[in-house]
Amino acid sequence: MNWEEYRKAMDALPFSASFQERTEELVRQQAQSEKECMMMKKKGFVRAVSIAAAVALLTVSAYAASRWLSPAQVAELHEDPVLAQAFESEDAIKVNQTAQTGDLAVTLAGLVSGENLSRWTSEADQARTYAVMILESLDGTPLDREDFPLTEYTVTPLVAGFTPWSVNSWTLNAGVSLLERDGVLYYLLDVQSIEMFADHRVYLAFYQGSAPNRDTFTMAEDGTIQFAEDFEGPCALFTLPLNASKADPAAVEQFIAGSGLDREQFTTVGPDDGTTYTTHETEDENGKHIEIVPQEPSASELAR
C-alpha cells in the first residue's frame, strides 16, 4: 500500500472524540515500560518499539486528517450553506490526493457537480462544478494568501484531447476564491460543470502563472496533457475520478459552438490564437473572488 492509499484508508476511519487523548496515554504507558522492554529478548524489544511507532503514526495521521478544513467547512466560511450541504452529499467526490512541488504540498480535497448547489451563483439552474484545493508548506511554515495572489496562481480544469488553451477556467467561465486558516490556504473553484467531459481524462491543475499556453503545458498525440518540461514554479496536476456515464457530448458540442473559438483550436496544437483575458476581482472577509473571462476585442481590433 502506498502513502496515498494509506492516508485515504486512515481518513475513512471514524475516530472518536477521545481518540487523541487515549492514544497519547498509550504512548505514555509505552514509555514507562521502556526499562522492562530493554530486558526482553531482542525480537520482543523490536516488536514493542514497532507498536509504539505505529501508535505515534496513528496520532500524526489523525492530526493531519483533522487539521484541514473539509470542503463543506470551506463552503460554510464562504457563507454558502447550500454548497456546504452539497459537499456532504452522496454526489460529492472525496479525493484527498496530495502532490509535492518544491517546498509546498498541494492537496485536491474534493469536488461536487450539479445544479442549484450554491446560493451565490447567478446561474443557479446551470450545472456547475465546485472543487476545493489546499496549499500548505511542507515544513509547517504558515502561508499568507498575500504571497499567493489569485492573479499570479491558477486553478483550472483541463481535458485530455482538448488543447489547454481552449478548455480551461477562462473559457469555462470560472471563479476562484481564496481564504487562509491557520497558515493553510484554501482555493474554492466554481466552474461550468466539467462532468460533460467525463468520458475523457479530466485534470485539475494548480500552478504559478496565468492562462494556459504552450509555455505551461504540452499535449501529446494521444491527447494527454502535462506540464512543459522547462516549466518553472510550483505546479500540480490531478486526474479527476469522474463517472464516465455522466458525460454529455451534446453539452460539449454546445460549449464549443458558443465559445467563439474555431473548432480546430480545440484539438490542434497550433500557434496561440491571440485571445487575451481579463479578470473581475472583488474581496470580502472570506478572501478574494475573481471571475476570469475572455476579453472582448476593442473597436480598433475589430476593424482590422
Protein backbone atom coordinates (compact mmCIF):
# COMPACT_ATOMS: atom_id res chain seq x y z
CA MET A 1 0.00 0.00 0.00
CA ASN A 2 1.44 3.39 -1.00
CA TRP A 3 1.21 6.59 1.04
CA GLU A 4 -1.85 7.96 -0.76
CA GLU A 5 -3.77 4.69 -0.32
CA TYR A 6 -2.75 4.55 3.35
CA ARG A 7 -3.87 8.11 4.04
CA LYS A 8 -7.19 7.59 2.27
CA ALA A 9 -7.78 4.48 4.38
CA MET A 10 -6.90 6.35 7.57
CA ASP A 11 -9.08 9.34 6.65
CA ALA A 12 -12.03 6.98 6.19
CA LEU A 13 -11.74 5.66 9.75
CA PRO A 14 -14.30 7.11 12.23
CA PHE A 15 -12.10 8.44 15.05
CA SER A 16 -13.91 9.11 18.31
CA ALA A 17 -13.61 12.42 20.13
CA SER A 18 -11.35 10.83 22.77
CA PHE A 19 -9.06 9.11 20.25
CA GLN A 20 -6.21 11.61 20.57
CA GLU A 21 -6.26 11.52 24.39
CA ARG A 22 -6.40 7.73 24.55
CA THR A 23 -3.60 7.38 22.01
CA GLU A 24 -1.33 9.75 23.91
CA GLU A 25 -1.98 7.74 27.09
CA LEU A 26 -0.92 4.57 25.28
CA VAL A 27 2.30 6.26 24.22
CA ARG A 28 2.97 7.38 27.79
CA GLN A 29 2.36 3.87 29.08
CA GLN A 30 4.74 2.52 26.48
CA ALA A 31 7.42 4.98 27.57
CA GLN A 32 7.00 3.97 31.22
CA SER A 33 7.58 0.33 30.36
CA GLU A 34 10.77 1.06 28.40
CA LYS A 35 13.01 -0.37 31.12
CA GLU A 36 11.08 -3.62 31.16
CA CYS A 37 11.21 -3.83 27.38
CA MET A 38 15.01 -3.47 27.43
CA MET A 39 15.20 -6.72 29.44
CA MET A 40 13.24 -8.64 26.83
CA LYS A 41 14.73 -10.59 24.01
CA LYS A 42 15.83 -8.56 21.02
CA LYS A 43 12.89 -9.74 18.94
CA GLY A 44 10.43 -8.78 21.63
CA PHE A 45 12.06 -5.37 22.08
CA VAL A 46 11.82 -4.61 18.37
CA ARG A 47 8.15 -5.55 18.43
CA ALA A 48 7.47 -3.24 21.38
CA VAL A 49 9.18 -0.33 19.64
CA SER A 50 7.22 -1.07 16.48
CA ILE A 51 3.96 -0.89 18.40
CA ALA A 52 4.93 2.48 19.85
CA ALA A 53 5.89 3.73 16.39
CA ALA A 54 2.56 2.56 14.97
CA VAL A 55 0.65 4.34 17.74
CA ALA A 56 2.61 7.53 17.10
CA LEU A 57 1.90 7.25 13.37
CA LEU A 58 -1.81 6.90 14.08
CA THR A 59 -1.65 10.03 16.20
CA VAL A 60 0.04 12.00 13.43
CA SER A 61 -2.37 10.68 10.80
CA ALA A 62 -5.41 11.57 12.88
CA TYR A 63 -3.99 15.04 13.45
CA ALA A 64 -3.32 15.54 9.73
CA ALA A 65 -6.81 14.41 8.83
CA SER A 66 -8.39 16.81 11.32
CA ARG A 67 -6.25 19.93 10.88
CA TRP A 68 -7.57 20.70 7.40
CA LEU A 69 -10.93 22.28 6.83
CA SER A 70 -13.24 19.99 4.92
CA PRO A 71 -14.75 21.20 1.62
CA ALA A 72 -18.04 21.66 3.48
CA GLN A 73 -16.35 23.85 6.09
CA VAL A 74 -14.72 25.92 3.35
CA ALA A 75 -18.15 26.48 1.84
CA GLU A 76 -19.54 27.45 5.25
CA LEU A 77 -16.80 30.06 5.65
CA HIS A 78 -17.97 31.50 2.34
CA GLU A 79 -21.44 31.73 3.92
CA ASP A 80 -22.78 29.21 1.44
CA PRO A 81 -24.72 26.56 3.42
CA VAL A 82 -26.26 25.18 0.23
CA LEU A 83 -22.83 24.34 -1.16
CA ALA A 84 -21.69 23.02 2.23
CA GLN A 85 -24.58 20.58 2.17
CA ALA A 86 -23.70 19.57 -1.40
CA PHE A 87 -20.13 18.75 -0.34
CA GLU A 88 -21.57 16.43 2.31
CA SER A 89 -23.94 14.69 -0.11
CA GLU A 90 -23.51 11.29 -1.74
CA ASP A 91 -22.83 13.02 -5.07
CA ALA A 92 -19.68 14.69 -3.75
CA ILE A 93 -16.35 13.13 -4.65
CA LYS A 94 -13.74 12.95 -1.89
CA VAL A 95 -10.24 12.84 -3.36
CA ASN A 96 -7.69 13.88 -0.68
CA GLN A 97 -4.77 13.38 -3.05
CA THR A 98 -1.55 15.30 -2.38
CA ALA A 99 1.30 16.32 -4.67
CA GLN A 100 4.59 17.88 -3.55
CA THR A 101 6.01 20.79 -5.52
CA GLY A 102 9.13 22.49 -4.21
CA ASP A 103 8.57 23.20 -0.53
CA LEU A 104 4.78 23.10 -0.89
CA ALA A 105 2.13 20.41 -0.69
CA VAL A 106 -0.95 20.75 -2.89
CA THR A 107 -4.00 18.67 -1.98
CA LEU A 108 -7.14 18.18 -4.02
CA ALA A 109 -9.69 17.69 -1.23
CA GLY A 110 -12.85 17.04 -3.21
CA LEU A 111 -15.44 18.24 -5.67
CA VAL A 112 -19.14 18.18 -6.41
CA SER A 113 -21.16 18.91 -9.55
CA GLY A 114 -24.79 19.71 -10.25
CA GLU A 115 -27.43 22.41 -10.46
CA ASN A 116 -28.57 24.76 -7.71
CA LEU A 117 -25.60 23.92 -5.48
CA SER A 118 -24.71 27.45 -4.40
CA ARG A 119 -26.58 30.45 -3.09
CA TRP A 120 -24.11 32.82 -4.73
CA THR A 121 -24.16 31.88 -8.39
CA SER A 122 -26.31 33.99 -10.69
CA GLU A 123 -26.79 30.91 -12.87
CA ALA A 124 -28.17 28.53 -10.26
CA ASP A 125 -30.02 26.50 -12.88
CA GLN A 126 -26.81 25.86 -14.80
CA ALA A 127 -24.77 22.81 -13.85
CA ARG A 128 -21.57 23.85 -12.10
CA THR A 129 -18.58 22.07 -10.56
CA TYR A 130 -17.10 23.16 -7.24
CA ALA A 131 -13.72 21.94 -6.06
CA VAL A 132 -11.53 22.65 -3.03
CA MET A 133 -7.74 22.65 -3.31
CA ILE A 134 -5.45 23.06 -0.28
CA LEU A 135 -1.98 24.61 -0.23
CA GLU A 136 0.44 24.30 2.69
CA SER A 137 4.18 24.34 3.33
CA LEU A 138 5.98 21.05 3.87
CA ASP A 139 7.85 22.35 6.89
CA GLY A 140 4.77 23.77 8.59
CA THR A 141 5.61 27.43 7.92
CA PRO A 142 2.33 29.38 7.84
CA LEU A 143 1.33 30.59 4.38
CA ASP A 144 -0.13 34.02 3.73
CA ARG A 145 -2.64 34.47 0.94
CA GLU A 146 -0.95 37.75 0.03
CA ASP A 147 2.05 35.68 -1.13
CA PHE A 148 -0.16 33.55 -3.40
CA PRO A 149 -2.46 36.07 -5.10
CA LEU A 150 -5.12 34.77 -7.46
CA THR A 151 -3.70 36.97 -10.18
CA GLU A 152 -0.41 35.03 -10.07
CA TYR A 153 -1.55 31.47 -9.31
CA THR A 154 -4.09 29.47 -11.27
CA VAL A 155 -6.51 26.65 -10.51
CA THR A 156 -8.01 25.28 -13.71
CA PRO A 157 -9.59 22.17 -15.19
CA LEU A 158 -8.05 20.71 -18.35
CA VAL A 159 -9.36 17.93 -20.59
CA ALA A 160 -7.33 15.36 -22.49
CA GLY A 161 -7.96 15.64 -26.21
CA PHE A 162 -8.71 19.35 -25.96
CA THR A 163 -5.94 21.93 -26.08
CA PRO A 164 -5.21 23.55 -22.68
CA TRP A 165 -5.84 26.98 -24.19
CA SER A 166 -9.33 26.02 -25.38
CA VAL A 167 -10.78 24.28 -22.30
CA ASN A 168 -9.80 25.90 -19.02
CA SER A 169 -11.08 28.17 -16.27
CA TRP A 170 -11.19 31.12 -18.63
CA THR A 171 -13.32 29.51 -21.32
CA LEU A 172 -15.47 27.67 -18.76
CA ASN A 173 -16.42 30.93 -17.00
CA ALA A 174 -14.83 30.04 -13.68
CA GLY A 175 -14.43 31.92 -10.47
CA VAL A 176 -11.86 31.20 -7.76
CA SER A 177 -11.95 32.23 -4.09
CA LEU A 178 -9.04 32.08 -1.68
CA LEU A 179 -9.03 32.08 2.10
CA GLU A 180 -6.44 31.34 4.79
CA ARG A 181 -6.93 29.50 8.06
CA ASP A 182 -4.10 28.65 10.48
CA GLY A 183 -1.42 29.14 7.83
CA VAL A 184 -3.13 26.90 5.27
CA LEU A 185 -4.62 28.25 2.03
CA TYR A 186 -7.92 27.01 0.60
CA TYR A 187 -8.89 27.58 -3.02
CA LEU A 188 -12.56 27.18 -3.94
CA LEU A 189 -13.14 26.76 -7.67
CA ASP A 190 -16.56 27.45 -9.19
CA VAL A 191 -16.67 26.45 -12.85
CA GLN A 192 -19.11 25.35 -15.52
CA SER A 193 -19.75 21.66 -14.94
CA ILE A 194 -16.84 19.54 -16.14
CA GLU A 195 -18.90 16.37 -15.92
CA MET A 196 -19.83 16.87 -19.58
CA PHE A 197 -16.23 15.80 -20.36
CA ALA A 198 -16.38 12.74 -18.09
CA ASP A 199 -15.73 10.32 -20.96
CA HIS A 200 -12.30 11.97 -21.31
CA ARG A 201 -9.46 12.21 -18.83
CA VAL A 202 -10.17 15.41 -16.90
CA TYR A 203 -7.47 17.15 -14.89
CA LEU A 204 -7.36 19.84 -12.27
CA ALA A 205 -4.15 21.88 -12.37
CA PHE A 206 -2.55 24.27 -9.93
CA TYR A 207 0.44 26.35 -10.98
CA GLN A 208 2.14 29.70 -10.82
CA GLY A 209 1.10 31.63 -13.88
CA SER A 210 -1.88 32.88 -15.82
CA ALA A 211 -3.95 31.45 -18.67
CA PRO A 212 -2.69 28.11 -20.04
CA ASN A 213 -0.37 28.39 -23.00
CA ARG A 214 2.37 26.48 -24.78
CA ASP A 215 4.98 27.58 -22.25
CA THR A 216 2.96 25.98 -19.46
CA PHE A 217 1.50 22.79 -20.94
CA THR A 218 2.09 20.30 -23.70
CA MET A 219 -0.45 17.96 -25.29
CA ALA A 220 0.77 14.62 -26.63
CA GLU A 221 -0.54 12.93 -29.78
CA ASP A 222 -2.83 10.76 -27.65
CA GLY A 223 -4.37 13.89 -26.15
CA THR A 224 -2.84 13.60 -22.68
CA ILE A 225 -1.67 16.81 -21.05
CA GLN A 226 1.30 17.52 -18.84
CA PHE A 227 3.36 20.47 -17.69
CA ALA A 228 6.05 21.58 -20.11
CA GLU A 229 9.45 20.10 -19.26
CA ASP A 230 11.04 23.51 -18.77
CA PHE A 231 8.15 24.95 -16.75
CA GLU A 232 9.36 26.51 -13.51
CA GLY A 233 7.40 27.35 -10.40
CA PRO A 234 5.00 25.48 -8.11
CA CYS A 235 2.69 23.14 -10.02
CA ALA A 236 0.48 20.08 -9.53
CA LEU A 237 -1.75 18.13 -11.89
CA PHE A 238 -4.52 15.81 -10.66
CA THR A 239 -6.69 13.40 -12.63
CA LEU A 240 -10.31 13.62 -11.52
CA PRO A 241 -12.22 10.40 -10.73
CA LEU A 242 -15.34 11.30 -12.71
CA ASN A 243 -18.13 8.92 -13.60
CA ALA A 244 -17.93 8.40 -17.38
CA SER A 245 -21.68 7.74 -17.53
CA LYS A 246 -22.28 11.41 -16.73
CA ALA A 247 -20.57 12.60 -19.92
CA ASP A 248 -22.72 14.82 -22.13
CA PRO A 249 -21.34 15.06 -25.69
CA ALA A 250 -24.24 17.32 -26.71
CA ALA A 251 -23.29 19.81 -23.98
CA VAL A 252 -19.68 19.67 -25.15
CA GLU A 253 -20.78 20.50 -28.69
CA GLN A 254 -22.86 23.38 -27.37
CA PHE A 255 -19.87 24.61 -25.38
CA ILE A 256 -17.64 24.52 -28.46
CA ALA A 257 -20.22 26.27 -30.61
CA GLY A 258 -20.71 29.04 -28.07
CA SER A 259 -17.04 29.57 -27.28
CA GLY A 260 -16.26 31.93 -30.11
CA LEU A 261 -13.18 29.83 -30.95
CA ASP A 262 -12.57 27.89 -34.15
CA ARG A 263 -13.23 24.16 -33.74
CA GLU A 264 -9.68 23.43 -34.85
CA GLN A 265 -8.34 25.29 -31.81
CA PHE A 266 -9.92 22.68 -29.52
CA THR A 267 -7.96 19.75 -30.87
CA THR A 268 -4.96 21.08 -32.80
CA VAL A 269 -1.77 22.06 -31.03
CA GLY A 270 -1.00 25.07 -33.17
CA PRO A 271 0.04 28.67 -32.53
CA ASP A 272 -1.68 30.72 -29.86
CA ASP A 273 -4.94 32.19 -31.10
CA GLY A 274 -4.14 35.61 -29.65
CA THR A 275 -7.08 35.55 -27.25
CA THR A 276 -6.50 37.74 -24.21
CA TYR A 277 -8.29 37.53 -20.90
CA THR A 278 -9.50 39.87 -18.23
CA THR A 279 -10.32 39.43 -14.55
CA HIS A 280 -13.05 40.92 -12.39
CA GLU A 281 -11.94 40.93 -8.77
CA THR A 282 -13.80 41.59 -5.55
CA GLU A 283 -12.76 40.99 -1.95
CA ASP A 284 -14.53 40.41 1.34
CA GLU A 285 -13.67 38.89 4.71
CA ASN A 286 -13.56 35.42 3.19
CA GLY A 287 -10.98 36.24 0.55
CA LYS A 288 -10.63 37.47 -2.99
CA HIS A 289 -13.06 36.41 -5.68
CA ILE A 290 -12.03 36.50 -9.32
CA GLU A 291 -14.03 35.82 -12.45
CA ILE A 292 -11.83 35.09 -15.43
CA VAL A 293 -13.30 35.53 -18.91
CA PRO A 294 -12.11 36.15 -22.48
CA GLN A 295 -11.61 39.86 -23.11
CA GLU A 296 -13.80 41.39 -25.75
CA PRO A 297 -11.80 42.83 -28.68
CA SER A 298 -11.68 46.59 -28.91
CA ALA A 299 -13.34 48.52 -31.76
CA SER A 300 -9.95 49.11 -33.37
CA GLU A 301 -9.14 45.39 -33.22
CA LEU A 302 -12.48 44.52 -34.80
CA ALA A 303 -11.80 46.99 -37.59
CA ARG A 304 -8.54 45.28 -38.54
